[in-house]
Amino acid sequence: MTEPSDPEAPSPPAPEPSPDGPARSNPAHPYLGLTTFTIEGRKAPALFVVGWLATLVGVALTATVAFGVSGLGGSVLSLASLFALSVGLVMLANGDDPSVVTDSTFGKAVERIEKAVGSGQIRRFTGNDYAQPLPQGDLAAAVAWSGDVVQLLSSNPKLRWGIPESGAMLWTDNMLVPLGGSAATASTFMNFVYDPKIAAQIAAYVNYVTPVKGAREELAKTDPETAGNPLIFPTDQMLKQLHAFSGDALNNQEYIETWQRVLGA
């Protein structure tokens, strides 16, 4: 991988795809780039993965609240229904590592969440349908995607998104070439969107985090305000506070069934 070339220079021919996966002319951010992962608990052989977009999962606030504290009145917190996010955040608050989940640490996080549900502090579990009640002030806090909050600020400029002192979760969408797929076609598209100029346009439009190095600098030439938004281009300090959830735990059937019980499914 090489650094981005001079943006004014003619574009070189697209690199030939290799047997190991698509070539890329521009490296990804070290926290958001190439990765390995599992599908249904199994390693994915010969599967080449490139980051598409990411989002930070933290707490969006319309008022200052403390998770698990009594006396706040009912229904002040909306918690994400994806257990990798909610359980991950609570594990961090417990001082545990969500990338290495044990029965004990998972159980402690679930117990804390169930206690908050029982007290009435958690109104409900949501996807991103907090988008309407949160800016209206109907929720004091929600586990929220950073990209959503960028867009919701237009409805309520007092809305805030923050990383808890214990850390936040990182969620990524990925581009991949499965076995039998057209590496030549896929790599052409991957290389196109990894051009910093193109990546900058995508990030500015969707308000989510791009993994492409140089995209922020490109966007700063035309839209310095968006380029300076840490919810779209997180600082290195913010990235150091992010954590990934264990792939093995995510595919643990016992954990899945436990979480469905918590959700009331």
Protein backbone atom coordinates (compact mmCIF):
# COMPACT_ATOMS: atom_id res chain seq x y z
CA MET A 1 0.00 0.00 0.00
CA THR A 2 1.23 3.48 -0.79
CA GLU A 3 0.39 7.00 0.23
CA PRO A 4 -2.14 8.88 -1.98
CA SER A 5 -0.58 10.31 -5.11
CA ASP A 6 -0.63 13.96 -6.16
CA PRO A 7 -4.34 14.77 -6.69
CA GLU A 8 -3.45 16.87 -9.72
CA ALA A 9 -1.50 14.10 -11.41
CA PRO A 10 -3.19 11.89 -14.01
CA SER A 11 -4.84 8.86 -12.47
CA PRO A 12 -2.84 5.67 -13.05
CA PRO A 13 -4.52 2.57 -14.45
CA ALA A 14 -6.46 0.60 -11.86
CA PRO A 15 -4.22 -2.01 -10.22
CA GLU A 16 -4.72 -5.58 -11.31
CA PRO A 17 -6.58 -7.60 -8.68
CA SER A 18 -4.40 -10.17 -6.99
CA PRO A 19 -5.38 -13.71 -6.01
CA ASP A 20 -5.32 -12.55 -2.40
CA GLY A 21 -7.94 -9.84 -2.95
CA PRO A 22 -8.43 -6.43 -4.54
CA ALA A 23 -5.53 -4.03 -4.73
CA ARG A 24 -5.91 -0.60 -3.17
CA SER A 25 -3.96 2.50 -4.05
CA ASN A 26 -4.76 4.25 -0.75
CA PRO A 27 -4.37 2.84 2.74
CA ALA A 28 -7.10 2.86 5.33
CA HIS A 29 -6.93 4.37 8.77
CA PRO A 30 -5.25 1.80 11.05
CA TYR A 31 -8.33 1.63 13.30
CA LEU A 32 -10.85 1.34 10.46
CA GLY A 33 -9.15 -0.53 7.65
CA LEU A 34 -8.64 -4.13 6.67
CA THR A 35 -9.84 -6.65 9.17
CA THR A 36 -10.48 -10.31 9.70
CA PHE A 37 -13.71 -11.60 11.13
CA THR A 38 -15.92 -14.64 11.38
CA ILE A 39 -19.28 -15.53 9.90
CA GLU A 40 -21.57 -17.49 12.21
CA GLY A 41 -18.60 -18.30 14.40
CA ARG A 42 -16.50 -19.70 11.53
CA LYS A 43 -13.50 -18.10 9.90
CA ALA A 44 -14.29 -16.90 6.40
CA PRO A 45 -11.61 -18.42 4.13
CA ALA A 46 -10.36 -16.44 1.13
CA LEU A 47 -12.68 -13.60 2.08
CA PHE A 48 -11.12 -10.18 1.48
CA VAL A 49 -12.65 -7.40 3.55
CA VAL A 50 -12.33 -3.63 3.17
CA GLY A 51 -13.97 -1.10 5.46
CA TRP A 52 -16.87 0.83 3.92
CA LEU A 53 -18.13 3.17 6.66
CA ALA A 54 -18.05 3.16 10.43
CA THR A 55 -19.98 4.74 13.26
CA LEU A 56 -19.16 5.39 16.87
CA VAL A 57 -21.69 4.06 19.36
CA GLY A 58 -21.89 6.18 22.48
CA VAL A 59 -24.49 8.19 24.38
CA ALA A 60 -26.62 10.97 22.94
CA LEU A 61 -27.96 13.35 25.58
CA THR A 62 -30.64 15.94 25.95
CA ALA A 63 -30.06 16.00 29.71
CA THR A 64 -27.40 14.75 32.07
CA VAL A 65 -28.23 11.26 33.34
CA ALA A 66 -26.39 8.42 35.03
CA PHE A 67 -27.08 4.85 34.01
CA GLY A 68 -28.36 2.66 36.82
CA VAL A 69 -29.03 5.49 39.28
CA SER A 70 -32.41 5.43 41.02
CA GLY A 71 -34.65 8.43 41.50
CA LEU A 72 -34.40 9.69 37.94
CA GLY A 73 -38.03 9.05 37.13
CA GLY A 74 -39.05 6.38 34.67
CA SER A 75 -38.20 6.06 31.04
CA VAL A 76 -35.20 8.29 30.66
CA LEU A 77 -32.93 5.99 28.71
CA SER A 78 -33.34 4.23 25.39
CA LEU A 79 -30.97 1.31 24.88
CA ALA A 80 -29.89 -0.19 21.55
CA SER A 81 -31.50 -3.53 20.73
CA LEU A 82 -28.24 -4.88 19.23
CA PHE A 83 -26.60 -6.60 22.15
CA ALA A 84 -23.07 -6.03 20.84
CA LEU A 85 -23.67 -2.33 21.38
CA SER A 86 -25.63 -2.18 24.62
CA VAL A 87 -23.90 -5.08 26.35
CA GLY A 88 -20.57 -3.79 25.06
CA LEU A 89 -21.10 -0.32 26.54
CA VAL A 90 -22.24 -1.73 29.87
CA MET A 91 -19.30 -4.13 29.95
CA LEU A 92 -16.99 -1.14 29.53
CA ALA A 93 -18.80 0.65 32.37
CA ASN A 94 -18.22 -2.46 34.49
CA GLY A 95 -14.51 -2.33 33.73
CA ASP A 96 -14.63 -5.38 31.46
CA ASP A 97 -13.27 -5.87 27.95
CA PRO A 98 -16.04 -6.39 25.32
CA SER A 99 -13.53 -7.86 22.87
CA VAL A 100 -12.98 -10.80 25.23
CA VAL A 101 -16.37 -11.84 26.58
CA THR A 102 -16.76 -14.50 29.26
CA ASP A 103 -19.91 -15.96 30.78
CA SER A 104 -19.17 -13.94 33.89
CA THR A 105 -18.67 -10.56 32.22
CA PHE A 106 -21.65 -11.09 29.91
CA GLY A 107 -23.81 -12.08 32.87
CA LYS A 108 -22.79 -9.03 34.91
CA ALA A 109 -23.67 -6.69 32.03
CA VAL A 110 -27.04 -8.33 31.42
CA GLU A 111 -27.85 -8.24 35.14
CA ARG A 112 -27.13 -4.51 35.27
CA ILE A 113 -29.31 -3.87 32.22
CA GLU A 114 -32.18 -5.96 33.64
CA LYS A 115 -31.98 -4.01 36.89
CA ALA A 116 -32.31 -0.73 34.97
CA VAL A 117 -35.24 -2.14 33.00
CA GLY A 118 -36.93 -3.28 36.22
CA SER A 119 -36.53 0.16 37.78
CA GLY A 120 -38.20 1.81 34.79
CA GLN A 121 -35.11 3.77 33.82
CA ILE A 122 -34.93 2.15 30.40
CA ARG A 123 -38.04 3.00 28.46
CA ARG A 124 -37.45 0.60 25.61
CA PHE A 125 -34.90 -1.03 23.36
CA THR A 126 -34.55 0.56 19.95
CA GLY A 127 -32.80 0.43 16.64
CA ASN A 128 -32.35 4.00 15.47
CA ASP A 129 -36.02 4.86 16.04
CA TYR A 130 -34.83 7.11 18.87
CA ALA A 131 -34.36 9.66 16.08
CA GLN A 132 -37.75 11.31 16.65
CA PRO A 133 -38.16 11.38 20.46
CA LEU A 134 -34.54 12.24 21.27
CA PRO A 135 -34.27 15.69 19.61
CA GLN A 136 -37.77 16.52 20.88
CA GLY A 137 -36.56 16.04 24.44
CA ASP A 138 -38.83 13.04 25.04
CA LEU A 139 -35.74 11.01 25.93
CA ALA A 140 -33.00 12.23 28.23
CA ALA A 141 -30.42 9.85 26.76
CA ALA A 142 -30.03 7.08 24.22
CA VAL A 143 -27.38 4.70 23.01
CA ALA A 144 -26.91 6.31 19.63
CA TRP A 145 -24.92 6.18 16.41
CA SER A 146 -22.70 9.21 15.98
CA GLY A 147 -23.78 9.65 12.36
CA ASP A 148 -27.43 9.86 13.39
CA VAL A 149 -26.67 12.59 15.90
CA VAL A 150 -24.89 14.70 13.27
CA GLN A 151 -28.14 14.76 11.32
CA LEU A 152 -30.38 15.20 14.38
CA LEU A 153 -28.53 18.35 15.44
CA SER A 154 -30.48 20.23 12.79
CA SER A 155 -33.64 19.51 14.82
CA ASN A 156 -32.10 20.25 18.21
CA PRO A 157 -28.75 22.08 18.30
CA LYS A 158 -28.55 21.42 22.06
CA LEU A 159 -28.28 17.69 21.46
CA ARG A 160 -24.93 16.22 22.45
CA TRP A 161 -23.16 12.97 21.70
CA GLY A 162 -20.33 11.77 23.89
CA ILE A 163 -17.96 8.93 24.67
CA PRO A 164 -18.35 7.71 28.26
CA GLU A 165 -15.20 7.81 30.37
CA SER A 166 -15.10 4.02 30.16
CA GLY A 167 -15.10 4.09 26.35
CA ALA A 168 -17.48 3.56 23.42
CA MET A 169 -18.16 0.88 20.82
CA LEU A 170 -17.11 0.90 17.17
CA TRP A 171 -19.48 -0.47 14.52
CA THR A 172 -18.43 -0.96 10.91
CA ASP A 173 -20.02 -1.84 7.61
CA ASN A 174 -17.70 -3.60 5.21
CA MET A 175 -17.22 -4.28 1.53
CA LEU A 176 -16.16 -7.82 0.76
CA VAL A 177 -15.55 -10.22 -2.08
CA PRO A 178 -16.96 -13.67 -1.31
CA LEU A 179 -15.58 -16.85 -2.79
CA GLY A 180 -16.67 -17.05 -6.42
CA GLY A 181 -17.27 -13.30 -6.68
CA SER A 182 -15.77 -11.11 -9.37
CA ALA A 183 -12.61 -9.73 -7.79
CA ALA A 184 -11.93 -7.59 -10.86
CA THR A 185 -15.33 -5.87 -10.72
CA ALA A 186 -15.36 -5.50 -6.96
CA SER A 187 -11.82 -4.16 -6.76
CA THR A 188 -12.59 -1.54 -9.39
CA PHE A 189 -15.37 -0.19 -7.19
CA MET A 190 -13.32 -0.52 -4.00
CA ASN A 191 -10.44 1.40 -5.49
CA PHE A 192 -12.84 4.08 -6.73
CA VAL A 193 -14.40 4.73 -3.30
CA TYR A 194 -10.95 4.63 -1.65
CA ASP A 195 -9.90 7.66 -3.66
CA PRO A 196 -9.75 10.38 -0.95
CA LYS A 197 -11.76 12.80 -3.12
CA ILE A 198 -14.59 10.28 -3.52
CA ALA A 199 -14.43 9.16 0.10
CA ALA A 200 -14.70 12.79 1.21
CA GLN A 201 -17.89 13.26 -0.81
CA ILE A 202 -19.41 10.08 0.64
CA ALA A 203 -18.56 11.04 4.23
CA ALA A 204 -19.97 14.54 3.79
CA TYR A 205 -23.21 13.15 2.37
CA VAL A 206 -23.90 10.32 4.84
CA ASN A 207 -22.21 11.89 7.92
CA TYR A 208 -20.59 8.62 8.91
CA VAL A 209 -16.92 7.84 9.48
CA THR A 210 -14.81 7.00 6.44
CA PRO A 211 -11.78 4.69 6.79
CA VAL A 212 -9.89 6.41 3.95
CA LYS A 213 -6.76 8.36 4.80
CA GLY A 214 -6.65 11.78 3.18
CA ALA A 215 -10.44 12.17 2.92
CA ARG A 216 -10.58 14.79 5.67
CA GLU A 217 -7.86 16.86 4.01
CA GLU A 218 -9.71 16.70 0.69
CA LEU A 219 -12.99 17.76 2.26
CA ALA A 220 -11.32 20.61 4.13
CA LYS A 221 -10.61 22.27 0.79
CA THR A 222 -14.34 22.73 0.09
CA ASP A 223 -16.15 22.20 3.41
CA PRO A 224 -13.86 22.87 6.39
CA GLU A 225 -16.76 22.83 8.87
CA THR A 226 -17.73 19.25 8.04
CA ALA A 227 -14.08 18.21 7.80
CA GLY A 228 -13.62 19.48 11.36
CA ASN A 229 -16.59 17.57 12.79
CA PRO A 230 -15.17 14.90 15.14
CA LEU A 231 -18.31 12.78 14.77
CA ILE A 232 -17.44 12.33 11.08
CA PHE A 233 -13.66 12.53 11.36
CA PRO A 234 -12.84 11.33 14.89
CA THR A 235 -9.64 12.49 16.52
CA ASP A 236 -6.89 9.99 17.30
CA GLN A 237 -7.75 10.36 20.99
CA MET A 238 -11.37 9.42 20.30
CA LEU A 239 -10.31 6.39 18.26
CA LYS A 240 -8.19 5.16 21.15
CA GLN A 241 -11.35 5.07 23.28
CA LEU A 242 -13.24 2.78 20.91
CA HIS A 243 -13.72 -0.94 21.36
CA ALA A 244 -14.95 -3.81 19.20
CA PHE A 245 -17.24 -6.56 20.44
CA SER A 246 -16.12 -10.19 20.41
CA GLY A 247 -17.15 -11.99 17.23
CA ASP A 248 -17.34 -15.28 19.11
CA ALA A 249 -19.70 -13.78 21.69
CA LEU A 250 -21.81 -12.21 18.98
CA ASN A 251 -22.44 -15.69 17.56
CA ASN A 252 -22.89 -17.44 20.90
CA GLN A 253 -26.37 -18.96 20.76
CA GLU A 254 -26.81 -18.93 24.53
CA TYR A 255 -25.98 -15.21 24.65
CA ILE A 256 -28.33 -14.51 21.76
CA GLU A 257 -31.20 -16.30 23.51
CA THR A 258 -30.46 -14.51 26.78
CA TRP A 259 -30.56 -11.15 25.03
CA GLN A 260 -33.82 -11.98 23.29
CA ARG A 261 -35.27 -12.72 26.70
CA VAL A 262 -34.08 -9.32 27.95
CA LEU A 263 -35.72 -7.68 24.97
CA GLY A 264 -38.95 -9.49 25.77
CA ALA A 265 -38.98 -11.29 22.41
